[in-house]
């Protein structure tokens, strides 16, 4: 497919911070949707390393995670020839536009961001300006590419609303410059919860590795985590099991892995002991992740291939972003480079 043909597609944009370990929840909530939508959209998929440094990072670990996350995008089925895959810091226009948008974002708006409040509580020793202002960088990520659609979960919806407000403010101050992105909210489906703390969503950055299923966990680790997963005082699966947080979460995971409705899973296992069901769930999980992990290992074993895809993606992203930043700078009244 030529670049001209690709550019006729509406643009879908998403990214994941390279922190922790990509988990089954990330696959269900984001990556699976990316794969399903790539035929109808030009996907712009980032590893957002600039967002990651609002929390202190070990440089070597950050570099390794960036490459690992990109390889996992590919292993999940994102086609590099159909999409734009890159690392955020390889496209300097993200930082350039973020500064401009900071000047069009009100402190009252940033004060209302719930994620800043949550992260400030978790990182009280490092409440920095980047953590406070990073919604402007997120807005830049989106608006740089004249994005049509942004997949959002409940925790990101507020940021997309702010992005639209900032874009409207700039457009009304000057003239139409940014496309207003629309949210993509997936159809109601399985919401993967923590294996040990079933009141919380499964998080790739959880400090307790027993709370999440990493996409790269080896079979013995997967089996151990499922065996230890919290259930309840009942012993066998009944028609009420879906309403019980612990076993209900495991039934939802089985439904995702086997493309079934949760009620179908209950019907299949009704009357069986939790221990037997957990064994079958572990088998399904191992079988589900095995081909993904094989593709991942192959990609990570060929760093030239991986860095080539990222270089190509960043080159194309810079080309797209430069069109927007040039338009923004012209409207602001900045003197064009090379003509002063």
C-alpha atoms as a PDB file:
ATOM      1  CA  UNK A   1       0.000   0.000   0.000  1.00  0.00           C
ATOM      2  CA  UNK A   2       1.426   3.394  -0.988  1.00  0.00           C
ATOM      3  CA  UNK A   3       1.752   6.349   1.392  1.00  0.00           C
ATOM      4  CA  UNK A   4      -0.895   8.196  -0.634  1.00  0.00           C
ATOM      5  CA  UNK A   5      -3.352   5.362  -0.155  1.00  0.00           C
ATOM      6  CA  UNK A   6      -2.533   5.142   3.551  1.00  0.00           C
ATOM      7  CA  UNK A   7      -3.076   8.864   4.028  1.00  0.00           C
ATOM      8  CA  UNK A   8      -6.639   8.544   2.773  1.00  0.00           C
ATOM      9  CA  UNK A   9      -7.485   6.454   5.798  1.00  0.00           C
ATOM     10  CA  UNK A  10      -8.758   8.146   8.961  1.00  0.00           C
ATOM     11  CA  UNK A  11      -6.098   8.270  11.645  1.00  0.00           C
ATOM     12  CA  UNK A  12      -6.173   6.220  14.837  1.00  0.00           C
ATOM     13  CA  UNK A  13      -3.594   7.136  17.489  1.00  0.00           C
ATOM     14  CA  UNK A  14      -2.593   5.396  20.686  1.00  0.00           C
ATOM     15  CA  UNK A  15       0.461   4.816  22.840  1.00  0.00           C
ATOM     16  CA  UNK A  16       1.598   3.042  25.972  1.00  0.00           C
ATOM     17  CA  UNK A  17       4.127   4.211  28.547  1.00  0.00           C
ATOM     18  CA  UNK A  18       7.196   1.953  28.757  1.00  0.00           C
ATOM     19  CA  UNK A  19       6.825   1.240  32.450  1.00  0.00           C
ATOM     20  CA  UNK A  20       6.354  -2.095  34.145  1.00  0.00           C
ATOM     21  CA  UNK A  21       5.391  -5.071  31.989  1.00  0.00           C
ATOM     22  CA  UNK A  22       2.744  -5.182  29.273  1.00  0.00           C
ATOM     23  CA  UNK A  23      -0.035  -7.254  30.771  1.00  0.00           C
ATOM     24  CA  UNK A  24      -3.043  -9.179  29.594  1.00  0.00           C
ATOM     25  CA  UNK A  25      -5.151  -6.158  30.523  1.00  0.00           C
ATOM     26  CA  UNK A  26      -3.175  -4.024  28.037  1.00  0.00           C
ATOM     27  CA  UNK A  27      -3.779  -6.581  25.317  1.00  0.00           C
ATOM     28  CA  UNK A  28      -7.521  -6.800  25.989  1.00  0.00           C
ATOM     29  CA  UNK A  29      -8.028  -3.077  26.538  1.00  0.00           C
ATOM     30  CA  UNK A  30      -5.773  -1.690  23.805  1.00  0.00           C
ATOM     31  CA  UNK A  31      -3.595  -3.871  21.603  1.00  0.00           C
ATOM     32  CA  UNK A  32      -6.334  -6.267  20.502  1.00  0.00           C
ATOM     33  CA  UNK A  33      -8.423  -3.298  19.341  1.00  0.00           C
ATOM     34  CA  UNK A  34      -5.459  -1.849  17.442  1.00  0.00           C
ATOM     35  CA  UNK A  35      -5.052  -5.067  15.506  1.00  0.00           C
ATOM     36  CA  UNK A  36      -8.756  -5.262  14.692  1.00  0.00           C
ATOM     37  CA  UNK A  37      -8.938  -1.644  13.509  1.00  0.00           C
ATOM     38  CA  UNK A  38      -5.767  -1.437  11.415  1.00  0.00           C
ATOM     39  CA  UNK A  39      -7.541  -2.384   8.189  1.00  0.00           C
ATOM     40  CA  UNK A  40      -9.816   0.664   8.407  1.00  0.00           C
ATOM     41  CA  UNK A  41      -7.447   3.219   9.944  1.00  0.00           C
ATOM     42  CA  UNK A  42      -3.916   4.454   9.565  1.00  0.00           C
ATOM     43  CA  UNK A  43      -2.623   3.509  12.997  1.00  0.00           C
ATOM     44  CA  UNK A  44      -0.072   5.705  14.729  1.00  0.00           C
ATOM     45  CA  UNK A  45       1.262   3.631  17.609  1.00  0.00           C
ATOM     46  CA  UNK A  46       3.833   5.107  19.959  1.00  0.00           C
ATOM     47  CA  UNK A  47       5.971   4.005  22.826  1.00  0.00           C
ATOM     48  CA  UNK A  48       5.593   7.187  24.880  1.00  0.00           C
ATOM     49  CA  UNK A  49       8.951   7.384  26.628  1.00  0.00           C
ATOM     50  CA  UNK A  50       8.729  11.154  27.194  1.00  0.00           C
ATOM     51  CA  UNK A  51       5.719  10.606  29.430  1.00  0.00           C
ATOM     52  CA  UNK A  52       7.611   7.959  31.376  1.00  0.00           C
ATOM     53  CA  UNK A  53      10.231  10.344  32.767  1.00  0.00           C
ATOM     54  CA  UNK A  54       7.759  12.147  35.026  1.00  0.00           C
ATOM     55  CA  UNK A  55       8.820   9.275  37.302  1.00  0.00           C
ATOM     56  CA  UNK A  56      12.546   8.581  37.781  1.00  0.00           C
ATOM     57  CA  UNK A  57      13.784   5.850  35.437  1.00  0.00           C
ATOM     58  CA  UNK A  58      16.950   3.791  35.185  1.00  0.00           C
ATOM     59  CA  UNK A  59      18.287   4.705  31.714  1.00  0.00           C
ATOM     60  CA  UNK A  60      19.284   1.190  30.656  1.00  0.00           C
ATOM     61  CA  UNK A  61      15.944  -0.227  31.810  1.00  0.00           C
ATOM     62  CA  UNK A  62      14.002   2.482  29.979  1.00  0.00           C
ATOM     63  CA  UNK A  63      15.856   1.823  26.720  1.00  0.00           C
ATOM     64  CA  UNK A  64      15.269  -1.910  27.001  1.00  0.00           C
ATOM     65  CA  UNK A  65      11.574  -1.506  27.770  1.00  0.00           C
ATOM     66  CA  UNK A  66      11.067   0.831  24.808  1.00  0.00           C
ATOM     67  CA  UNK A  67      12.439  -1.773  22.417  1.00  0.00           C
ATOM     68  CA  UNK A  68      10.584  -4.574  24.191  1.00  0.00           C
ATOM     69  CA  UNK A  69       7.233  -2.746  24.027  1.00  0.00           C
ATOM     70  CA  UNK A  70       7.690  -1.993  20.316  1.00  0.00           C
ATOM     71  CA  UNK A  71       8.486  -5.656  19.689  1.00  0.00           C
ATOM     72  CA  UNK A  72       5.339  -6.635  21.586  1.00  0.00           C
ATOM     73  CA  UNK A  73       3.254  -4.305  19.408  1.00  0.00           C
ATOM     74  CA  UNK A  74       4.550  -6.213  16.401  1.00  0.00           C
ATOM     75  CA  UNK A  75       4.121  -9.613  18.042  1.00  0.00           C
ATOM     76  CA  UNK A  76       0.490  -8.751  18.793  1.00  0.00           C
ATOM     77  CA  UNK A  77      -0.165  -8.342  15.071  1.00  0.00           C
ATOM     78  CA  UNK A  78       0.422  -4.659  14.315  1.00  0.00           C
ATOM     79  CA  UNK A  79       1.632  -4.572  10.705  1.00  0.00           C
ATOM     80  CA  UNK A  80       4.491  -2.107  10.205  1.00  0.00           C
ATOM     81  CA  UNK A  81       3.752  -1.748   6.503  1.00  0.00           C
ATOM     82  CA  UNK A  82       0.191  -0.625   7.302  1.00  0.00           C
ATOM     83  CA  UNK A  83       0.883   1.590  10.327  1.00  0.00           C
ATOM     84  CA  UNK A  84       3.360   4.038  11.845  1.00  0.00           C
ATOM     85  CA  UNK A  85       5.233   2.570  14.825  1.00  0.00           C
ATOM     86  CA  UNK A  86       7.830   4.677  16.625  1.00  0.00           C
ATOM     87  CA  UNK A  87       9.275   5.910  19.901  1.00  0.00           C
ATOM     88  CA  UNK A  88       7.908   9.277  20.984  1.00  0.00           C
ATOM     89  CA  UNK A  89      11.263  10.945  21.717  1.00  0.00           C
ATOM     90  CA  UNK A  90      12.406  10.230  18.137  1.00  0.00           C
ATOM     91  CA  UNK A  91       9.939  12.882  16.925  1.00  0.00           C
ATOM     92  CA  UNK A  92      10.980  16.257  18.408  1.00  0.00           C
ATOM     93  CA  UNK A  93       7.768  17.959  17.290  1.00  0.00           C
ATOM     94  CA  UNK A  94       6.011  16.348  20.272  1.00  0.00           C
ATOM     95  CA  UNK A  95       8.037  18.495  22.669  1.00  0.00           C
ATOM     96  CA  UNK A  96       7.763  21.557  20.422  1.00  0.00           C
ATOM     97  CA  UNK A  97       3.986  21.462  20.216  1.00  0.00           C
ATOM     98  CA  UNK A  98       3.667  20.583  23.904  1.00  0.00           C
ATOM     99  CA  UNK A  99       5.312  23.903  24.818  1.00  0.00           C
ATOM    100  CA  UNK A 100       2.935  25.818  22.557  1.00  0.00           C
ATOM    101  CA  UNK A 101      -0.083  24.021  24.017  1.00  0.00           C
ATOM    102  CA  UNK A 102       1.143  24.695  27.559  1.00  0.00           C
ATOM    103  CA  UNK A 103       0.631  28.353  26.714  1.00  0.00           C
ATOM    104  CA  UNK A 104      -2.992  27.637  25.771  1.00  0.00           C
ATOM    105  CA  UNK A 105      -3.809  25.440  28.765  1.00  0.00           C
ATOM    106  CA  UNK A 106      -5.155  26.987  31.954  1.00  0.00           C
ATOM    107  CA  UNK A 107      -3.882  26.042  35.377  1.00  0.00           C
ATOM    108  CA  UNK A 108      -7.448  25.532  36.540  1.00  0.00           C
ATOM    109  CA  UNK A 109      -7.822  22.824  33.898  1.00  0.00           C
ATOM    110  CA  UNK A 110      -4.648  21.066  34.993  1.00  0.00           C
ATOM    111  CA  UNK A 111      -5.702  21.311  38.636  1.00  0.00           C
ATOM    112  CA  UNK A 112      -8.760  19.235  37.812  1.00  0.00           C
ATOM    113  CA  UNK A 113      -6.820  16.347  36.279  1.00  0.00           C
ATOM    114  CA  UNK A 114      -7.466  13.336  38.491  1.00  0.00           C
ATOM    115  CA  UNK A 115      -4.396  11.444  37.277  1.00  0.00           C
ATOM    116  CA  UNK A 116      -2.121  14.215  38.558  1.00  0.00           C
ATOM    117  CA  UNK A 117      -3.749  13.933  41.956  1.00  0.00           C
ATOM    118  CA  UNK A 118      -3.408  10.142  41.967  1.00  0.00           C
ATOM    119  CA  UNK A 119       0.222  10.117  40.821  1.00  0.00           C
ATOM    120  CA  UNK A 120       1.159  12.875  43.247  1.00  0.00           C
ATOM    121  CA  UNK A 121       0.034  10.643  46.101  1.00  0.00           C
ATOM    122  CA  UNK A 122       2.138   7.737  44.808  1.00  0.00           C
ATOM    123  CA  UNK A 123       5.245   9.859  44.134  1.00  0.00           C
ATOM    124  CA  UNK A 124       5.202  12.445  46.906  1.00  0.00           C
ATOM    125  CA  UNK A 125       8.988  12.850  46.749  1.00  0.00           C
ATOM    126  CA  UNK A 126       8.905  13.838  43.057  1.00  0.00           C
ATOM    127  CA  UNK A 127       5.907  16.051  42.278  1.00  0.00           C
ATOM    128  CA  UNK A 128       7.471  17.796  39.297  1.00  0.00           C
ATOM    129  CA  UNK A 129       6.245  20.291  36.708  1.00  0.00           C
ATOM    130  CA  UNK A 130       6.265  17.602  34.024  1.00  0.00           C
ATOM    131  CA  UNK A 131       3.843  15.479  36.036  1.00  0.00           C
ATOM    132  CA  UNK A 132       1.580  18.517  36.358  1.00  0.00           C
ATOM    133  CA  UNK A 133       1.739  19.640  32.737  1.00  0.00           C
ATOM    134  CA  UNK A 134       1.937  16.314  30.937  1.00  0.00           C
ATOM    135  CA  UNK A 135      -1.695  16.538  29.685  1.00  0.00           C
ATOM    136  CA  UNK A 136      -0.383  19.216  27.303  1.00  0.00           C
ATOM    137  CA  UNK A 137       2.179  16.738  25.981  1.00  0.00           C
ATOM    138  CA  UNK A 138      -0.589  14.183  25.589  1.00  0.00           C
ATOM    139  CA  UNK A 139      -2.613  16.770  23.666  1.00  0.00           C
ATOM    140  CA  UNK A 140       0.407  17.402  21.438  1.00  0.00           C
ATOM    141  CA  UNK A 141       0.741  13.661  20.781  1.00  0.00           C
ATOM    142  CA  UNK A 142      -2.811  13.609  19.470  1.00  0.00           C
ATOM    143  CA  UNK A 143      -3.093  16.946  17.663  1.00  0.00           C
ATOM    144  CA  UNK A 144       0.224  16.667  15.804  1.00  0.00           C
ATOM    145  CA  UNK A 145      -1.211  14.023  13.487  1.00  0.00           C
ATOM    146  CA  UNK A 146      -4.674  15.509  12.900  1.00  0.00           C
ATOM    147  CA  UNK A 147      -5.993  12.417  14.622  1.00  0.00           C
ATOM    148  CA  UNK A 148      -9.547  11.262  14.002  1.00  0.00           C
ATOM    149  CA  UNK A 149      -9.932   8.633  16.703  1.00  0.00           C
ATOM    150  CA  UNK A 150      -8.281   7.969  20.056  1.00  0.00           C
ATOM    151  CA  UNK A 151      -9.006   4.785  22.023  1.00  0.00           C
ATOM    152  CA  UNK A 152      -9.650   5.827  25.609  1.00  0.00           C
ATOM    153  CA  UNK A 153     -10.406   4.122  28.863  1.00  0.00           C
ATOM    154  CA  UNK A 154     -12.095   5.716  31.845  1.00  0.00           C
ATOM    155  CA  UNK A 155      -8.752   7.019  33.154  1.00  0.00           C
ATOM    156  CA  UNK A 156      -7.902   8.841  29.900  1.00  0.00           C
ATOM    157  CA  UNK A 157     -11.277  10.276  28.903  1.00  0.00           C
ATOM    158  CA  UNK A 158     -10.645  13.456  30.901  1.00  0.00           C
ATOM    159  CA  UNK A 159      -7.397  14.056  29.019  1.00  0.00           C
ATOM    160  CA  UNK A 160      -9.057  13.698  25.625  1.00  0.00           C
ATOM    161  CA  UNK A 161     -11.730  16.188  26.663  1.00  0.00           C
ATOM    162  CA  UNK A 162      -8.965  18.622  27.646  1.00  0.00           C
ATOM    163  CA  UNK A 163      -7.236  18.017  24.299  1.00  0.00           C
ATOM    164  CA  UNK A 164     -10.421  18.993  22.480  1.00  0.00           C
ATOM    165  CA  UNK A 165     -10.781  22.116  24.655  1.00  0.00           C
ATOM    166  CA  UNK A 166      -7.191  23.186  23.915  1.00  0.00           C
ATOM    167  CA  UNK A 167      -7.621  22.559  20.193  1.00  0.00           C
ATOM    168  CA  UNK A 168     -10.853  24.555  20.134  1.00  0.00           C
ATOM    169  CA  UNK A 169      -9.185  27.403  21.999  1.00  0.00           C
ATOM    170  CA  UNK A 170      -6.313  27.556  19.500  1.00  0.00           C
ATOM    171  CA  UNK A 171      -8.618  27.215  16.499  1.00  0.00           C
ATOM    172  CA  UNK A 172     -10.862  30.013  17.747  1.00  0.00           C
ATOM    173  CA  UNK A 173      -7.909  32.293  18.538  1.00  0.00           C
ATOM    174  CA  UNK A 174      -6.398  31.953  15.066  1.00  0.00           C
ATOM    175  CA  UNK A 175      -8.226  29.840  12.505  1.00  0.00           C
ATOM    176  CA  UNK A 176      -8.975  26.121  12.087  1.00  0.00           C
ATOM    177  CA  UNK A 177      -5.654  24.370  12.680  1.00  0.00           C
ATOM    178  CA  UNK A 178      -6.295  21.165  14.606  1.00  0.00           C
ATOM    179  CA  UNK A 179      -8.794  18.432  13.900  1.00  0.00           C
ATOM    180  CA  UNK A 180     -10.909  17.662  16.959  1.00  0.00           C
ATOM    181  CA  UNK A 181     -10.297  14.010  17.855  1.00  0.00           C
ATOM    182  CA  UNK A 182     -13.142  11.698  18.749  1.00  0.00           C
ATOM    183  CA  UNK A 183     -12.930   9.068  21.485  1.00  0.00           C
ATOM    184  CA  UNK A 184     -13.108   5.393  20.641  1.00  0.00           C
ATOM    185  CA  UNK A 185     -14.725   3.564  23.519  1.00  0.00           C
ATOM    186  CA  UNK A 186     -14.677  -0.190  22.934  1.00  0.00           C
ATOM    187  CA  UNK A 187     -17.879  -2.141  23.209  1.00  0.00           C
ATOM    188  CA  UNK A 188     -18.490  -3.390  26.697  1.00  0.00           C
ATOM    189  CA  UNK A 189     -16.368  -6.448  27.251  1.00  0.00           C
ATOM    190  CA  UNK A 190     -14.197  -8.171  29.787  1.00  0.00           C
ATOM    191  CA  UNK A 191     -12.460  -5.825  32.208  1.00  0.00           C
ATOM    192  CA  UNK A 192      -9.408  -7.598  33.520  1.00  0.00           C
ATOM    193  CA  UNK A 193      -8.880  -7.086  37.231  1.00  0.00           C
ATOM    194  CA  UNK A 194      -5.903  -7.726  39.512  1.00  0.00           C
ATOM    195  CA  UNK A 195      -5.397 -11.365  40.419  1.00  0.00           C
ATOM    196  CA  UNK A 196      -4.824 -10.598  44.090  1.00  0.00           C
ATOM    197  CA  UNK A 197      -6.700  -7.323  44.608  1.00  0.00           C
ATOM    198  CA  UNK A 198      -9.871  -7.873  42.612  1.00  0.00           C
ATOM    199  CA  UNK A 199     -11.249  -4.397  43.318  1.00  0.00           C
ATOM    200  CA  UNK A 200      -8.513  -2.864  41.156  1.00  0.00           C
ATOM    201  CA  UNK A 201      -7.885  -3.074  37.431  1.00  0.00           C
ATOM    202  CA  UNK A 202      -4.901  -5.181  36.356  1.00  0.00           C
ATOM    203  CA  UNK A 203      -1.966  -2.795  35.975  1.00  0.00           C
ATOM    204  CA  UNK A 204       1.326  -3.350  34.167  1.00  0.00           C
ATOM    205  CA  UNK A 205       3.043  -1.099  36.718  1.00  0.00           C
ATOM    206  CA  UNK A 206       1.815  -2.943  39.805  1.00  0.00           C
ATOM    207  CA  UNK A 207       4.626  -3.473  42.301  1.00  0.00           C
ATOM    208  CA  UNK A 208       3.283  -6.961  43.102  1.00  0.00           C
ATOM    209  CA  UNK A 209       4.027  -9.240  40.151  1.00  0.00           C
ATOM    210  CA  UNK A 210       1.364 -11.695  41.340  1.00  0.00           C
ATOM    211  CA  UNK A 211      -1.321  -9.114  40.549  1.00  0.00           C
ATOM    212  CA  UNK A 212      -0.861  -9.150  36.777  1.00  0.00           C
ATOM    213  CA  UNK A 213      -0.340 -11.547  33.893  1.00  0.00           C
ATOM    214  CA  UNK A 214       2.607 -10.344  31.849  1.00  0.00           C
ATOM    215  CA  UNK A 215       2.437 -11.117  28.136  1.00  0.00           C
ATOM    216  CA  UNK A 216       5.984 -12.470  28.504  1.00  0.00           C
ATOM    217  CA  UNK A 217       5.473 -14.635  31.591  1.00  0.00           C
ATOM    218  CA  UNK A 218       6.830 -18.175  31.012  1.00  0.00           C
ATOM    219  CA  UNK A 219       4.387 -21.103  31.416  1.00  0.00           C
ATOM    220  CA  UNK A 220       5.447 -22.042  34.944  1.00  0.00           C
ATOM    221  CA  UNK A 221       4.943 -18.468  36.131  1.00  0.00           C
ATOM    222  CA  UNK A 222       1.541 -18.253  34.434  1.00  0.00           C
ATOM    223  CA  UNK A 223       0.398 -21.452  36.114  1.00  0.00           C
ATOM    224  CA  UNK A 224       1.630 -20.291  39.507  1.00  0.00           C
ATOM    225  CA  UNK A 225      -0.133 -16.927  39.233  1.00  0.00           C
ATOM    226  CA  UNK A 226      -3.442 -18.515  38.239  1.00  0.00           C
ATOM    227  CA  UNK A 227      -3.176 -21.123  40.983  1.00  0.00           C
ATOM    228  CA  UNK A 228      -2.659 -18.372  43.574  1.00  0.00           C
ATOM    229  CA  UNK A 229      -5.323 -16.031  42.159  1.00  0.00           C
ATOM    230  CA  UNK A 230      -7.899 -14.897  44.717  1.00  0.00           C
ATOM    231  CA  UNK A 231     -11.368 -16.436  44.509  1.00  0.00           C
ATOM    232  CA  UNK A 232     -13.800 -16.739  47.442  1.00  0.00           C
ATOM    233  CA  UNK A 233     -15.127 -19.162  50.024  1.00  0.00           C
ATOM    234  CA  UNK A 234     -17.201 -21.146  47.519  1.00  0.00           C
ATOM    235  CA  UNK A 235     -15.622 -24.192  45.927  1.00  0.00           C
ATOM    236  CA  UNK A 236     -17.429 -24.774  42.672  1.00  0.00           C
ATOM    237  CA  UNK A 237     -18.685 -22.732  39.753  1.00  0.00           C
ATOM    238  CA  UNK A 238     -22.381 -21.846  39.739  1.00  0.00           C
ATOM    239  CA  UNK A 239     -24.656 -19.488  37.853  1.00  0.00           C
ATOM    240  CA  UNK A 240     -23.780 -16.830  40.461  1.00  0.00           C
ATOM    241  CA  UNK A 241     -20.023 -17.059  39.930  1.00  0.00           C
ATOM    242  CA  UNK A 242     -19.864 -14.146  37.501  1.00  0.00           C
ATOM    243  CA  UNK A 243     -21.111 -11.879  40.286  1.00  0.00           C
ATOM    244  CA  UNK A 244     -18.301 -12.947  42.603  1.00  0.00           C
ATOM    245  CA  UNK A 245     -15.288 -10.631  42.031  1.00  0.00           C
ATOM    246  CA  UNK A 246     -12.450 -13.172  42.208  1.00  0.00           C
ATOM    247  CA  UNK A 247     -13.818 -16.151  40.288  1.00  0.00           C
ATOM    248  CA  UNK A 248     -15.797 -13.792  38.047  1.00  0.00           C
ATOM    249  CA  UNK A 249     -12.540 -12.171  36.963  1.00  0.00           C
ATOM    250  CA  UNK A 250     -11.004 -15.555  36.117  1.00  0.00           C
ATOM    251  CA  UNK A 251     -14.114 -16.557  34.153  1.00  0.00           C
ATOM    252  CA  UNK A 252     -13.825 -13.285  32.194  1.00  0.00           C
ATOM    253  CA  UNK A 253     -10.180 -13.996  31.420  1.00  0.00           C
ATOM    254  CA  UNK A 254     -11.099 -17.469  30.137  1.00  0.00           C
ATOM    255  CA  UNK A 255     -13.813 -15.929  27.951  1.00  0.00           C
ATOM    256  CA  UNK A 256     -11.284 -13.524  26.383  1.00  0.00           C
ATOM    257  CA  UNK A 257      -8.731 -16.246  25.695  1.00  0.00           C
ATOM    258  CA  UNK A 258     -11.296 -18.513  24.073  1.00  0.00           C
ATOM    259  CA  UNK A 259     -13.497 -15.908  22.359  1.00  0.00           C
ATOM    260  CA  UNK A 260     -16.551 -16.897  24.389  1.00  0.00           C
ATOM    261  CA  UNK A 261     -19.204 -15.010  26.299  1.00  0.00           C
ATOM    262  CA  UNK A 262     -18.704 -15.191  30.084  1.00  0.00           C
ATOM    263  CA  UNK A 263     -22.104 -16.876  30.436  1.00  0.00           C
ATOM    264  CA  UNK A 264     -20.958 -19.574  28.009  1.00  0.00           C
ATOM    265  CA  UNK A 265     -17.922 -20.203  30.177  1.00  0.00           C
ATOM    266  CA  UNK A 266     -20.121 -20.560  33.256  1.00  0.00           C
ATOM    267  CA  UNK A 267     -22.349 -23.051  31.446  1.00  0.00           C
ATOM    268  CA  UNK A 268     -19.316 -25.065  30.393  1.00  0.00           C
ATOM    269  CA  UNK A 269     -17.768 -25.270  33.862  1.00  0.00           C
ATOM    270  CA  UNK A 270     -20.865 -25.178  36.072  1.00  0.00           C
ATOM    271  CA  UNK A 271     -20.540 -27.632  38.934  1.00  0.00           C
ATOM    272  CA  UNK A 272     -16.773 -27.988  38.563  1.00  0.00           C
ATOM    273  CA  UNK A 273     -14.327 -27.234  41.353  1.00  0.00           C
ATOM    274  CA  UNK A 274     -12.414 -23.952  41.269  1.00  0.00           C
ATOM    275  CA  UNK A 275      -9.141 -25.880  41.271  1.00  0.00           C
ATOM    276  CA  UNK A 276     -10.059 -27.791  38.111  1.00  0.00           C
ATOM    277  CA  UNK A 277     -11.224 -24.651  36.352  1.00  0.00           C
ATOM    278  CA  UNK A 278      -7.993 -22.843  37.306  1.00  0.00           C
ATOM    279  CA  UNK A 279      -5.996 -25.675  35.716  1.00  0.00           C
ATOM    280  CA  UNK A 280      -7.895 -25.324  32.424  1.00  0.00           C
ATOM    281  CA  UNK A 281      -7.565 -21.548  32.568  1.00  0.00           C
ATOM    282  CA  UNK A 282      -3.799 -21.873  33.002  1.00  0.00           C
ATOM    283  CA  UNK A 283      -3.639 -24.263  30.011  1.00  0.00           C
ATOM    284  CA  UNK A 284      -5.597 -21.778  27.884  1.00  0.00           C
ATOM    285  CA  UNK A 285      -3.371 -18.919  28.959  1.00  0.00           C
ATOM    286  CA  UNK A 286      -0.183 -20.798  28.100  1.00  0.00           C
ATOM    287  CA  UNK A 287      -1.590 -21.818  24.694  1.00  0.00           C
ATOM    288  CA  UNK A 288      -2.809 -18.273  24.003  1.00  0.00           C
ATOM    289  CA  UNK A 289       0.499 -16.587  24.786  1.00  0.00           C
ATOM    290  CA  UNK A 290       2.851 -19.170  23.266  1.00  0.00           C
ATOM    291  CA  UNK A 291       2.633 -17.923  19.625  1.00  0.00           C
ATOM    292  CA  UNK A 292       2.843 -14.305  20.808  1.00  0.00           C
ATOM    293  CA  UNK A 293       5.996 -15.057  22.785  1.00  0.00           C
ATOM    294  CA  UNK A 294       7.545 -16.964  19.872  1.00  0.00           C
ATOM    295  CA  UNK A 295       6.979 -13.979  17.557  1.00  0.00           C
ATOM    296  CA  UNK A 296       8.356 -11.645  20.216  1.00  0.00           C
ATOM    297  CA  UNK A 297      11.520 -13.719  20.686  1.00  0.00           C
ATOM    298  CA  UNK A 298      12.112 -13.763  16.931  1.00  0.00           C
ATOM    299  CA  UNK A 299      11.717  -9.968  16.668  1.00  0.00           C
ATOM    300  CA  UNK A 300      13.946  -9.259  19.664  1.00  0.00           C
ATOM    301  CA  UNK A 301      16.527 -11.620  18.196  1.00  0.00           C
ATOM    302  CA  UNK A 302      16.823  -9.382  15.128  1.00  0.00           C
ATOM    303  CA  UNK A 303      17.550  -5.896  16.468  1.00  0.00           C
ATOM    304  CA  UNK A 304      18.322  -4.643  12.969  1.00  0.00           C
ATOM    305  CA  UNK A 305      14.799  -5.495  11.857  1.00  0.00           C
ATOM    306  CA  UNK A 306      13.246  -3.856  14.923  1.00  0.00           C
ATOM    307  CA  UNK A 307      15.292  -0.655  14.803  1.00  0.00           C
ATOM    308  CA  UNK A 308      14.667  -0.454  11.060  1.00  0.00           C
ATOM    309  CA  UNK A 309      10.909  -0.441  11.643  1.00  0.00           C
ATOM    310  CA  UNK A 310      11.258   2.203  14.367  1.00  0.00           C
ATOM    311  CA  UNK A 311      13.503   4.362  12.178  1.00  0.00           C
ATOM    312  CA  UNK A 312      11.053   4.143   9.292  1.00  0.00           C
ATOM    313  CA  UNK A 313       8.144   4.896  11.619  1.00  0.00           C
ATOM    314  CA  UNK A 314       9.813   7.915  13.193  1.00  0.00           C
ATOM    315  CA  UNK A 315      10.785   9.298   9.778  1.00  0.00           C
ATOM    316  CA  UNK A 316       7.198   9.082   8.595  1.00  0.00           C
ATOM    317  CA  UNK A 317       5.889  10.484  11.886  1.00  0.00           C
ATOM    318  CA  UNK A 318       8.283  13.459  11.662  1.00  0.00           C
ATOM    319  CA  UNK A 319       7.078  14.151   8.130  1.00  0.00           C
ATOM    320  CA  UNK A 320       3.443  14.160   9.252  1.00  0.00           C
ATOM    321  CA  UNK A 321       4.166  16.167  12.411  1.00  0.00           C
ATOM    322  CA  UNK A 322       6.212  18.789  10.569  1.00  0.00           C
ATOM    323  CA  UNK A 323       3.162  19.798   8.536  1.00  0.00           C
ATOM    324  CA  UNK A 324       1.215  20.578  11.688  1.00  0.00           C
ATOM    325  CA  UNK A 325       4.021  22.330  13.557  1.00  0.00           C
ATOM    326  CA  UNK A 326       4.806  24.517  10.529  1.00  0.00           C
ATOM    327  CA  UNK A 327       1.179  25.591  10.352  1.00  0.00           C
ATOM    328  CA  UNK A 328       1.104  26.307  14.102  1.00  0.00           C
ATOM    329  CA  UNK A 329       4.322  28.345  14.039  1.00  0.00           C
ATOM    330  CA  UNK A 330       3.111  30.383  11.067  1.00  0.00           C
ATOM    331  CA  UNK A 331      -0.132  31.250  12.852  1.00  0.00           C
ATOM    332  CA  UNK A 332       1.699  32.189  16.037  1.00  0.00           C
ATOM    333  CA  UNK A 333       3.876  34.624  14.115  1.00  0.00           C
ATOM    334  CA  UNK A 334       7.203  32.829  14.517  1.00  0.00           C
ATOM    335  CA  UNK A 335       9.820  33.784  11.930  1.00  0.00           C
ATOM    336  CA  UNK A 336      10.354  30.875   9.524  1.00  0.00           C
ATOM    337  CA  UNK A 337      13.728  29.195   9.936  1.00  0.00           C
ATOM    338  CA  UNK A 338      16.303  30.042   7.282  1.00  0.00           C
ATOM    339  CA  UNK A 339      14.698  33.362   6.326  1.00  0.00           C
ATOM    340  CA  UNK A 340      15.704  35.651   9.171  1.00  0.00           C
END
